[in-house]
Amino acid sequence: MNDNMARLLAYIERYRDAHGKSPTHDEMRNAMGWANKSYVNQALINMDRLGFLRRIPGKPRSIYATRSGLQMIQTSEAANG
């Protein structure tokens, strides 16, 4: 997982904690400062493929960090201070 993926996953988890649901793709794009939603979609696909998150098919705003994803967030945040 690269730093952008770790930052995105950390943002998703903070948002879930605050709002009880995952952020929209637009909210993720804005939070990351990315130009378009395709970057968000590709990052989510890659993190899902790598096992750092899971999405519930057919249910909007249902992105969850896996145990390994949560560990990656902690490792990344510790390394970046």
C-alpha atoms as a PDB file:
ATOM      1  CA  MET A   1       0.000   0.000   0.000  1.00  0.00           C
ATOM      2  CA  ASN A   2       1.371   3.403  -0.891  1.00  0.00           C
ATOM      3  CA  ASP A   3       1.018   6.594   1.174  1.00  0.00           C
ATOM      4  CA  ASN A   4      -1.992   7.838  -0.818  1.00  0.00           C
ATOM      5  CA  MET A   5      -3.854   4.586  -0.223  1.00  0.00           C
ATOM      6  CA  ALA A   6      -3.040   4.712   3.492  1.00  0.00           C
ATOM      7  CA  ARG A   7      -4.217   8.338   3.683  1.00  0.00           C
ATOM      8  CA  LEU A   8      -7.433   7.489   1.833  1.00  0.00           C
ATOM      9  CA  LEU A   9      -8.176   4.490   4.025  1.00  0.00           C
ATOM     10  CA  ALA A  10      -7.486   6.548   7.174  1.00  0.00           C
ATOM     11  CA  TYR A  11      -9.867   9.232   5.882  1.00  0.00           C
ATOM     12  CA  ILE A  12     -12.568   6.625   5.212  1.00  0.00           C
ATOM     13  CA  GLU A  13     -12.231   5.225   8.738  1.00  0.00           C
ATOM     14  CA  ARG A  14     -12.323   8.691  10.372  1.00  0.00           C
ATOM     15  CA  TYR A  15     -15.392   9.561   8.290  1.00  0.00           C
ATOM     16  CA  ARG A  16     -17.114   6.262   9.239  1.00  0.00           C
ATOM     17  CA  ASP A  17     -16.408   6.937  12.908  1.00  0.00           C
ATOM     18  CA  ALA A  18     -17.901  10.434  12.654  1.00  0.00           C
ATOM     19  CA  HIS A  19     -20.879   9.733  10.361  1.00  0.00           C
ATOM     20  CA  GLY A  20     -21.665   6.027  10.649  1.00  0.00           C
ATOM     21  CA  LYS A  21     -21.205   5.439   6.908  1.00  0.00           C
ATOM     22  CA  SER A  22     -18.488   5.682   4.296  1.00  0.00           C
ATOM     23  CA  PRO A  23     -17.851   8.936   2.427  1.00  0.00           C
ATOM     24  CA  THR A  24     -18.986   9.350  -1.166  1.00  0.00           C
ATOM     25  CA  HIS A  25     -16.475   9.148  -3.995  1.00  0.00           C
ATOM     26  CA  ASP A  26     -16.715  12.949  -4.365  1.00  0.00           C
ATOM     27  CA  GLU A  27     -15.984  13.448  -0.666  1.00  0.00           C
ATOM     28  CA  MET A  28     -12.971  11.132  -0.943  1.00  0.00           C
ATOM     29  CA  ARG A  29     -11.738  12.926  -4.058  1.00  0.00           C
ATOM     30  CA  ASN A  30     -12.031  16.308  -2.355  1.00  0.00           C
ATOM     31  CA  ALA A  31     -10.334  15.103   0.832  1.00  0.00           C
ATOM     32  CA  MET A  32      -7.414  13.700  -1.155  1.00  0.00           C
ATOM     33  CA  GLY A  33      -7.154  16.694  -3.494  1.00  0.00           C
ATOM     34  CA  TRP A  34      -7.426  14.480  -6.554  1.00  0.00           C
ATOM     35  CA  ALA A  35      -8.612  15.764  -9.921  1.00  0.00           C
ATOM     36  CA  ASN A  36     -11.313  13.160 -10.576  1.00  0.00           C
ATOM     37  CA  LYS A  37     -13.183  10.213  -9.103  1.00  0.00           C
ATOM     38  CA  SER A  38     -11.391   7.659 -11.262  1.00  0.00           C
ATOM     39  CA  TYR A  39      -8.349   7.993  -8.961  1.00  0.00           C
ATOM     40  CA  VAL A  40     -10.578   7.165  -5.990  1.00  0.00           C
ATOM     41  CA  ASN A  41     -12.133   4.210  -7.772  1.00  0.00           C
ATOM     42  CA  GLN A  42      -8.749   2.797  -8.795  1.00  0.00           C
ATOM     43  CA  ALA A  43      -7.364   3.178  -5.259  1.00  0.00           C
ATOM     44  CA  LEU A  44     -10.431   1.409  -3.819  1.00  0.00           C
ATOM     45  CA  ILE A  45     -10.131  -1.419  -6.354  1.00  0.00           C
ATOM     46  CA  ASN A  46      -6.437  -1.846  -5.550  1.00  0.00           C
ATOM     47  CA  MET A  47      -6.980  -1.799  -1.772  1.00  0.00           C
ATOM     48  CA  ASP A  48      -9.818  -4.310  -2.114  1.00  0.00           C
ATOM     49  CA  ARG A  49      -7.625  -6.565  -4.257  1.00  0.00           C
ATOM     50  CA  LEU A  50      -4.786  -6.303  -1.713  1.00  0.00           C
ATOM     51  CA  GLY A  51      -7.143  -7.125   1.157  1.00  0.00           C
ATOM     52  CA  PHE A  52      -6.998  -3.767   2.961  1.00  0.00           C
ATOM     53  CA  LEU A  53     -10.707  -3.029   2.590  1.00  0.00           C
ATOM     54  CA  ARG A  54     -13.992  -4.693   1.791  1.00  0.00           C
ATOM     55  CA  ARG A  55     -17.091  -3.324   0.100  1.00  0.00           C
ATOM     56  CA  ILE A  56     -20.581  -4.744   0.364  1.00  0.00           C
ATOM     57  CA  PRO A  57     -21.813  -5.269  -3.217  1.00  0.00           C
ATOM     58  CA  GLY A  58     -25.003  -3.393  -4.031  1.00  0.00           C
ATOM     59  CA  LYS A  59     -24.892  -1.316  -0.855  1.00  0.00           C
ATOM     60  CA  PRO A  60     -23.745   2.282  -1.314  1.00  0.00           C
ATOM     61  CA  ARG A  61     -21.330   3.868   1.155  1.00  0.00           C
ATOM     62  CA  SER A  62     -20.332   0.507   2.609  1.00  0.00           C
ATOM     63  CA  ILE A  63     -16.529   0.493   2.626  1.00  0.00           C
ATOM     64  CA  TYR A  64     -14.827  -1.145   5.586  1.00  0.00           C
ATOM     65  CA  ALA A  65     -11.140  -1.412   6.450  1.00  0.00           C
ATOM     66  CA  THR A  66     -10.025  -4.970   7.151  1.00  0.00           C
ATOM     67  CA  ARG A  67      -7.791  -5.855  10.079  1.00  0.00           C
ATOM     68  CA  SER A  68      -4.749  -5.636   7.803  1.00  0.00           C
ATOM     69  CA  GLY A  69      -6.001  -2.294   6.502  1.00  0.00           C
ATOM     70  CA  LEU A  70      -6.299  -0.927  10.038  1.00  0.00           C
ATOM     71  CA  GLN A  71      -2.787  -2.162  10.806  1.00  0.00           C
ATOM     72  CA  MET A  72      -1.508  -0.445   7.671  1.00  0.00           C
ATOM     73  CA  ILE A  73      -3.124   2.838   8.752  1.00  0.00           C
ATOM     74  CA  GLN A  74      -1.435   2.604  12.163  1.00  0.00           C
ATOM     75  CA  THR A  75       1.927   1.791  10.607  1.00  0.00           C
ATOM     76  CA  SER A  76       1.652   4.647   8.104  1.00  0.00           C
ATOM     77  CA  GLU A  77       0.567   7.187  10.734  1.00  0.00           C
ATOM     78  CA  ALA A  78       3.391   6.127  13.069  1.00  0.00           C
ATOM     79  CA  ALA A  79       5.937   6.498  10.261  1.00  0.00           C
ATOM     80  CA  ASN A  80       4.617   9.924   9.232  1.00  0.00           C
ATOM     81  CA  GLY A  81       4.368  11.262  12.762  1.00  0.00           C
END
